[in-house]
Amino acid sequence: MKYKIDWFNLATTYFFFGFIYSGIIWVIWNFLFAPFYDLNFSFLQILGAYTIARILFGNSNTNYVSNIYSPKAPDLNKIDEYLKDFQDQLDKESKEVEEEYRDLDKKD
């Protein structure tokens, strides 16, 4: 099976967001923390550290970034089923709490 690479998704995810996030980290560090620690980093050092961290830790916490341009639509039926199950659980728990308070009112 031949896998087709989505070059636009790859480029925007790793390069575009990498430059943006590295720039944000660079600005925050050099203008907020560097005066306290007397340690300045260049943009390329921050970009390299961000890239290494992204390679080492992958998308464990950033799936939203890598899927931001994904053409695959989310499964709305699965989401609806999850929400209905969650609502049923909340309804069940609220009925249990109401019955407990009703029992307490009868005892008084």
Protein backbone atom coordinates (compact mmCIF):
# COMPACT_ATOMS: atom_id res chain seq x y z
CA MET A 1 0.00 0.00 0.00
CA LYS A 2 1.49 3.30 -1.06
CA TYR A 3 0.96 6.16 1.34
CA LYS A 4 0.45 9.60 -0.17
CA ILE A 5 2.25 12.36 1.73
CA ASP A 6 0.29 15.54 2.33
CA TRP A 7 3.14 18.01 1.84
CA PHE A 8 1.00 21.07 2.64
CA ASN A 9 -0.03 19.59 5.99
CA LEU A 10 3.54 18.60 6.76
CA ALA A 11 4.95 22.00 5.84
CA THR A 12 2.36 24.00 7.73
CA THR A 13 2.52 21.81 10.79
CA TYR A 14 6.25 21.54 11.28
CA PHE A 15 7.71 24.56 9.54
CA PHE A 16 5.06 27.26 9.80
CA PHE A 17 3.97 26.52 13.34
CA GLY A 18 7.54 25.73 14.32
CA PHE A 19 8.65 29.20 13.30
CA ILE A 20 5.67 30.82 15.00
CA TYR A 21 6.03 28.90 18.26
CA SER A 22 9.80 29.37 18.28
CA GLY A 23 9.29 33.09 17.77
CA ILE A 24 6.84 33.28 20.64
CA ILE A 25 9.17 31.34 22.94
CA TRP A 26 12.12 33.49 21.84
CA VAL A 27 10.29 36.76 22.54
CA ILE A 28 8.99 35.57 25.91
CA TRP A 29 12.38 34.29 27.02
CA ASN A 30 14.56 37.17 25.83
CA PHE A 31 12.29 39.98 26.98
CA LEU A 32 10.80 38.52 30.16
CA PHE A 33 13.21 35.95 31.60
CA ALA A 34 16.64 36.78 30.17
CA PRO A 35 17.17 39.87 32.38
CA PHE A 36 16.66 37.73 35.49
CA TYR A 37 18.85 34.83 34.43
CA ASP A 38 21.38 36.80 32.34
CA LEU A 39 21.03 34.21 29.57
CA ASN A 40 20.05 35.17 26.01
CA PHE A 41 19.17 32.76 23.22
CA SER A 42 19.09 33.40 19.49
CA PHE A 43 16.03 32.58 17.43
CA LEU A 44 17.85 29.69 15.77
CA GLN A 45 18.74 28.16 19.15
CA ILE A 46 15.11 28.29 20.21
CA LEU A 47 14.00 26.87 16.84
CA GLY A 48 16.48 24.01 17.24
CA ALA A 49 15.33 23.25 20.79
CA TYR A 50 11.68 23.34 19.71
CA THR A 51 12.42 21.03 16.77
CA ILE A 52 14.29 18.56 18.97
CA ALA A 53 11.46 18.57 21.50
CA ARG A 54 8.92 18.05 18.73
CA ILE A 55 10.91 15.11 17.33
CA LEU A 56 11.45 13.52 20.75
CA PHE A 57 7.96 13.97 22.14
CA GLY A 58 5.97 13.91 18.91
CA ASN A 59 2.34 14.93 18.94
CA SER A 60 1.42 13.54 22.32
CA ASN A 61 -0.02 16.86 23.49
CA THR A 62 -0.37 18.73 20.20
CA ASN A 63 -2.64 16.67 18.00
CA TYR A 64 -4.72 19.77 17.35
CA VAL A 65 -1.73 21.39 15.63
CA SER A 66 -0.93 18.52 13.31
CA ASN A 67 -4.60 18.07 12.40
CA ILE A 68 -5.51 21.72 11.91
CA TYR A 69 -5.58 21.37 8.12
CA SER A 70 -6.79 17.78 8.10
CA PRO A 71 -9.35 17.17 5.34
CA LYS A 72 -10.83 14.31 7.34
CA ALA A 73 -14.04 15.37 9.05
CA PRO A 74 -14.62 14.26 12.63
CA ASP A 75 -17.10 11.44 13.21
CA LEU A 76 -20.11 13.39 14.46
CA ASN A 77 -22.08 10.24 15.28
CA LYS A 78 -19.33 9.13 17.64
CA ILE A 79 -19.28 12.54 19.28
CA ASP A 80 -23.08 12.54 19.64
CA GLU A 81 -23.01 9.07 21.17
CA TYR A 82 -20.37 10.14 23.67
CA LEU A 83 -22.35 13.25 24.63
CA LYS A 84 -25.58 11.25 25.04
CA ASP A 85 -23.83 8.68 27.24
CA PHE A 86 -22.33 11.45 29.32
CA GLN A 87 -25.71 13.18 29.66
CA ASP A 88 -27.36 9.88 30.67
CA GLN A 89 -24.72 9.39 33.35
CA LEU A 90 -25.29 12.91 34.66
CA ASP A 91 -29.07 12.37 34.70
CA LYS A 92 -28.64 9.12 36.59
CA GLU A 93 -26.40 10.75 39.19
CA SER A 94 -28.74 13.72 39.60
CA LYS A 95 -31.71 11.38 40.18
CA GLU A 96 -29.72 9.52 42.84
CA VAL A 97 -28.89 12.79 44.59
CA GLU A 98 -32.52 13.94 44.39
CA GLU A 99 -33.69 10.65 45.93
CA GLU A 100 -31.18 11.00 48.76
CA TYR A 101 -32.43 14.51 49.54
CA ARG A 102 -36.03 13.36 49.25
CA ASP A 103 -35.29 10.61 51.77
CA LEU A 104 -33.62 13.13 54.08
CA ASP A 105 -36.65 15.44 53.88
CA LYS A 106 -38.94 12.54 54.86
CA LYS A 107 -36.81 11.76 57.91
CA ASP A 108 -37.07 15.35 59.18
